[in-house]
Protein backbone atom coordinates (compact mmCIF):
# COMPACT_ATOMS: atom_id res chain seq x y z
CA UNK A 1 33.07 -92.32 9.64
CA UNK A 2 34.33 -90.64 6.40
CA UNK A 3 31.28 -92.06 4.37
CA UNK A 4 28.65 -90.71 7.03
CA UNK A 5 30.31 -87.04 6.83
CA UNK A 6 30.07 -87.18 3.04
CA UNK A 7 26.38 -88.42 3.19
CA UNK A 8 25.45 -85.45 5.53
CA UNK A 9 27.17 -82.99 3.39
CA UNK A 10 25.11 -84.24 0.26
CA UNK A 11 21.73 -83.96 2.10
CA UNK A 12 22.53 -80.33 3.25
CA UNK A 13 23.47 -79.38 -0.40
CA UNK A 14 20.38 -80.85 -1.71
CA UNK A 15 18.08 -79.11 0.89
CA UNK A 16 19.73 -75.55 0.57
CA UNK A 17 18.08 -74.77 -2.77
CA UNK A 18 14.69 -76.00 -1.54
CA UNK A 19 14.84 -73.76 1.43
CA UNK A 20 15.65 -70.76 -0.65
CA UNK A 21 12.82 -71.48 -2.83
CA UNK A 22 10.57 -71.54 0.19
CA UNK A 23 11.55 -67.96 1.11
CA UNK A 24 9.05 -65.09 0.51
CA UNK A 25 9.84 -62.86 -2.54
CA UNK A 26 11.20 -59.39 -1.65
CA UNK A 27 8.38 -56.90 -1.51
CA UNK A 28 8.25 -53.90 -4.30
CA UNK A 29 8.36 -50.56 -2.90
CA UNK A 30 6.88 -47.87 -5.26
CA UNK A 31 9.02 -44.77 -5.78
CA UNK A 32 7.71 -41.76 -3.94
CA UNK A 33 5.91 -39.18 -5.98
CA UNK A 34 7.75 -35.97 -6.99
CA UNK A 35 7.76 -32.94 -4.54
CA UNK A 36 4.90 -30.46 -5.45
CA UNK A 37 5.81 -26.63 -5.12
CA UNK A 38 2.87 -24.35 -4.06
CA UNK A 39 2.78 -21.28 -6.53
CA UNK A 40 1.09 -18.21 -5.12
CA UNK A 41 -1.34 -16.60 -7.64
CA UNK A 42 -2.10 -12.96 -7.07
CA UNK A 43 -4.98 -12.84 -9.64
CA UNK A 44 -8.52 -11.82 -8.51
CA UNK A 45 -10.41 -9.22 -6.89
CA UNK A 46 -9.64 -7.84 -3.46
CA UNK A 47 -10.97 -5.55 -0.84
CA UNK A 48 -9.21 -4.37 2.30
CA UNK A 49 -8.52 -1.78 5.11
CA UNK A 50 -5.50 0.56 5.68
CA UNK A 51 -4.30 2.94 8.34
CA UNK A 52 -1.09 5.11 8.89
CA UNK A 53 0.29 8.49 8.92
CA UNK A 54 0.48 11.51 6.34
CA UNK A 55 2.08 15.04 5.98
CA UNK A 56 1.24 17.57 3.79
CA UNK A 57 3.61 20.23 2.89
CA UNK A 58 2.00 23.47 2.13
CA UNK A 59 3.58 27.01 1.01
CA UNK A 60 1.50 30.06 1.14
CA UNK A 61 1.97 33.25 -1.20
CA UNK A 62 0.13 36.43 -0.94
CA UNK A 63 -0.61 37.34 -4.90
CA UNK A 64 -2.60 39.94 -6.65
CA UNK A 65 -5.72 39.22 -8.84
CA UNK A 66 -3.44 38.63 -11.78
CA UNK A 67 -1.32 36.04 -9.77
CA UNK A 68 1.75 38.20 -9.38
CA UNK A 69 3.56 37.60 -5.93
CA UNK A 70 3.11 40.24 -3.37
CA UNK A 71 4.86 38.52 -0.34
CA UNK A 72 5.49 35.15 0.98
CA UNK A 73 3.70 33.92 3.84
CA UNK A 74 5.69 30.82 4.62
CA UNK A 75 5.33 27.09 4.69
CA UNK A 76 4.18 24.40 7.16
CA UNK A 77 3.50 20.85 7.35
CA UNK A 78 -0.05 19.50 8.13
CA UNK A 79 0.47 16.05 9.84
CA UNK A 80 -1.62 13.43 11.24
CA UNK A 81 -3.28 10.10 11.05
CA UNK A 82 -5.39 8.36 8.36
CA UNK A 83 -7.53 5.37 7.78
CA UNK A 84 -9.76 3.84 5.20
CA UNK A 85 -10.33 1.21 2.64
CA UNK A 86 -9.24 -0.12 -0.92
CA UNK A 87 -10.83 -2.28 -3.68
CA UNK A 88 -9.14 -3.59 -6.79
CA UNK A 89 -8.48 -6.17 -9.36
CA UNK A 90 -5.08 -7.91 -10.05
CA UNK A 91 -4.14 -10.29 -12.94
CA UNK A 92 -0.89 -12.34 -13.07
CA UNK A 93 1.18 -13.51 -16.10
CA UNK A 94 4.39 -15.38 -15.12
CA UNK A 95 5.86 -13.29 -12.42
CA UNK A 96 4.33 -9.93 -13.67
CA UNK A 97 1.32 -8.69 -11.77
CA UNK A 98 -0.91 -5.81 -13.10
CA UNK A 99 -3.83 -4.27 -11.38
CA UNK A 100 -6.28 -1.18 -10.66
CA UNK A 101 -7.20 -0.03 -7.43
CA UNK A 102 -9.52 2.67 -5.94
CA UNK A 103 -8.85 3.90 -2.35
CA UNK A 104 -10.77 6.24 0.03
CA UNK A 105 -9.35 7.53 3.26
CA UNK A 106 -10.63 9.62 6.21
CA UNK A 107 -7.61 11.91 7.33
CA UNK A 108 -6.70 14.44 10.01
CA UNK A 109 -3.74 16.09 8.71
CA UNK A 110 -3.50 19.44 10.23
CA UNK A 111 -0.91 22.33 10.40
CA UNK A 112 -0.42 25.91 11.18
CA UNK A 113 2.50 28.72 11.02
CA UNK A 114 2.83 32.26 11.54
CA UNK A 115 2.89 34.45 8.44
CA UNK A 116 6.20 35.67 7.38
CA UNK A 117 4.85 38.85 5.64
CA UNK A 118 2.70 39.61 8.57
CA UNK A 119 3.19 38.04 11.95
CA UNK A 120 -0.06 39.08 13.44
CA UNK A 121 -1.51 36.47 11.08
CA UNK A 122 -1.40 32.77 11.58
CA UNK A 123 -2.22 30.37 8.53
CA UNK A 124 -3.98 27.06 9.05
CA UNK A 125 -4.49 24.14 6.81
CA UNK A 126 -6.17 20.81 7.04
CA UNK A 127 -6.87 17.72 4.87
CA UNK A 128 -10.07 15.67 6.02
CA UNK A 129 -10.10 13.12 3.53
CA UNK A 130 -8.43 11.85 0.24
CA UNK A 131 -9.01 9.41 -2.50
CA UNK A 132 -6.48 7.64 -5.00
CA UNK A 133 -7.36 5.89 -8.39
CA UNK A 134 -4.36 3.99 -9.56
CA UNK A 135 -2.94 1.45 -11.93
CA UNK A 136 -0.34 -1.05 -10.68
CA UNK A 137 2.65 -2.95 -11.99
CA UNK A 138 4.25 -5.46 -9.75
CA UNK A 139 6.69 -8.43 -9.72
CA UNK A 140 5.99 -11.49 -7.62
CA UNK A 141 8.53 -13.81 -5.73
CA UNK A 142 5.95 -16.39 -5.21
CA UNK A 143 3.92 -14.93 -2.10
CA UNK A 144 5.82 -11.81 -1.87
CA UNK A 145 4.83 -8.89 -4.24
CA UNK A 146 6.78 -5.69 -5.05
CA UNK A 147 4.56 -3.16 -6.98
CA UNK A 148 4.54 0.37 -8.16
CA UNK A 149 1.47 2.46 -8.65
CA UNK A 150 0.33 5.87 -10.23
CA UNK A 151 -2.82 7.68 -11.12
CA UNK A 152 -5.14 10.39 -9.92
CA UNK A 153 -5.49 11.86 -6.38
CA UNK A 154 -8.04 13.92 -4.75
CA UNK A 155 -8.00 15.71 -1.50
CA UNK A 156 -10.64 17.56 0.77
CA UNK A 157 -9.01 20.67 2.03
CA UNK A 158 -9.64 23.53 4.40
CA UNK A 159 -7.86 26.83 4.79
CA UNK A 160 -8.29 29.70 7.30
CA UNK A 161 -6.48 32.68 8.89
CA UNK A 162 -6.28 33.42 12.69
CA UNK A 163 -5.01 36.21 14.89
CA UNK A 164 -1.61 35.21 16.32
CA UNK A 165 -2.14 36.92 19.56
CA UNK A 166 -5.87 35.84 20.34
CA UNK A 167 -6.39 32.82 18.04
CA UNK A 168 -9.64 34.10 16.82
CA UNK A 169 -10.54 33.30 13.32
CA UNK A 170 -10.35 36.34 11.08
CA UNK A 171 -11.46 35.10 7.69
CA UNK A 172 -13.87 32.78 6.11
CA UNK A 173 -12.93 29.08 5.91
CA UNK A 174 -12.11 28.10 2.45
CA UNK A 175 -12.91 24.52 1.39
CA UNK A 176 -11.80 22.69 -1.59
CA UNK A 177 -11.92 19.48 -3.39
CA UNK A 178 -8.39 19.27 -5.00
CA UNK A 179 -7.38 17.15 -7.70
CA UNK A 180 -3.70 16.22 -8.74
CA UNK A 181 -1.67 13.09 -9.35
CA UNK A 182 0.04 10.37 -7.22
CA UNK A 183 2.99 7.59 -7.31
CA UNK A 184 3.71 5.03 -4.89
CA UNK A 185 5.23 1.77 -4.12
CA UNK A 186 4.53 -1.16 -1.88
CA UNK A 187 5.65 -4.57 -0.55
CA UNK A 188 2.98 -7.14 -0.15
CA UNK A 189 3.17 -10.50 1.70
CA UNK A 190 0.53 -13.24 1.33
CA UNK A 191 0.21 -15.15 4.50
CA UNK A 192 -2.64 -17.40 3.44
CA UNK A 193 -4.27 -18.19 -0.04
CA UNK A 194 -6.65 -15.33 0.38
CA UNK A 195 -5.08 -12.81 3.05
CA UNK A 196 -2.25 -10.61 2.52
CA UNK A 197 -0.63 -7.56 4.26
CA UNK A 198 1.26 -4.75 2.90
CA UNK A 199 3.20 -1.65 3.59
CA UNK A 200 2.87 1.19 1.17
CA UNK A 201 4.33 4.70 0.44
CA UNK A 202 2.54 7.35 -1.69
CA UNK A 203 3.36 10.83 -2.94
CA UNK A 204 0.55 13.17 -3.89
CA UNK A 205 1.41 16.09 -6.21
CA UNK A 206 -1.48 18.48 -5.67
CA UNK A 207 -0.01 21.56 -7.51
CA UNK A 208 -0.83 25.18 -7.11
CA UNK A 209 -4.46 26.61 -6.35
CA UNK A 210 -5.26 30.25 -5.69
CA UNK A 211 -8.07 31.04 -3.27
CA UNK A 212 -9.95 34.27 -2.11
CA UNK A 213 -10.29 34.81 1.63
CA UNK A 214 -12.56 37.44 3.00
CA UNK A 215 -12.44 39.01 6.62
CA UNK A 216 -15.19 38.20 8.86
CA UNK A 217 -15.13 41.48 10.96
CA UNK A 218 -15.44 44.80 9.33
CA UNK A 219 -13.86 46.40 7.37
CA UNK A 220 -14.49 43.89 4.70
CA UNK A 221 -11.06 42.97 3.26
CA UNK A 222 -10.27 40.32 0.51
CA UNK A 223 -6.94 38.82 -0.12
CA UNK A 224 -5.73 36.14 -2.49
CA UNK A 225 -3.39 33.22 -1.66
CA UNK A 226 -1.69 30.91 -3.96
CA UNK A 227 -1.25 27.49 -1.97
CA UNK A 228 1.07 24.94 -3.12
CA UNK A 229 0.56 21.31 -1.79
CA UNK A 230 2.16 18.01 -1.70
CA UNK A 231 1.26 15.03 0.51
CA UNK A 232 3.41 12.00 1.67
CA UNK A 233 1.48 8.88 3.11
CA UNK A 234 2.79 5.76 4.81
CA UNK A 235 0.03 2.98 5.41
CA UNK A 236 -0.11 -0.61 6.54
CA UNK A 237 -2.65 -2.54 4.53
CA UNK A 238 -4.55 -5.85 4.91
CA UNK A 239 -6.39 -7.33 1.87
CA UNK A 240 -8.84 -10.20 1.33
CA UNK A 241 -8.75 -11.64 -2.16
CA UNK A 242 -11.06 -14.01 -4.06
CA UNK A 243 -10.28 -15.65 -7.23
CA UNK A 244 -6.97 -17.05 -8.47
CA UNK A 245 -6.30 -19.76 -5.89
CA UNK A 246 -2.86 -21.31 -5.07
CA UNK A 247 -2.02 -23.74 -7.77
CA UNK A 248 0.40 -26.88 -7.54
CA UNK A 249 3.33 -26.97 -9.96
CA UNK A 250 5.86 -29.71 -10.39
């Protein structure tokens, strides 16, 4: 019996290596590739639309022919909506983004107030359109861009006098294409490789201009008004960009 057990043990010991040799080799699994991060590129041409709200603060002064102050007629805000479009180009180097842009908007910013110097008169102003030509500097956090801008501004203005009691227009309508400067800032979010949305604030410095008003009804009377104007705009923008696609970076 003892000899039988020893024989069985010997057979098992000889068979074990052979069985191990018959097992399939462990399969080799290749390491997964490294993660790839998408980097948003703001470079390229873009075109878009915008809409929002504006307010133009205007102060009127009655002056003589030499520009000396005779009386103060007061100030008012001309407020209303605006809508328009923009086109531009941006190029990105590192996280910095540079650009140029042209913008044109229809507007309906209207306001009026009773003259301080003569309460029988009501002064009225309106901006019917404006345009901006600006340069931009921005800093990108991947698909989020913060930018500042500055350049030239132009407004389409209208000014009139009315009778306070009857609301009858008393003078000619003075129309003017007025040039000034602008500064602004915006925050833009790229929600697809080519589409982005932004909110932007702009301030327009339109300075002082002197206009001559002539009465419509006889006797014919002329007067000079020096009008100071500043404009504040808040708009929401949507842009479509082509060129400068999203690139992969390890």
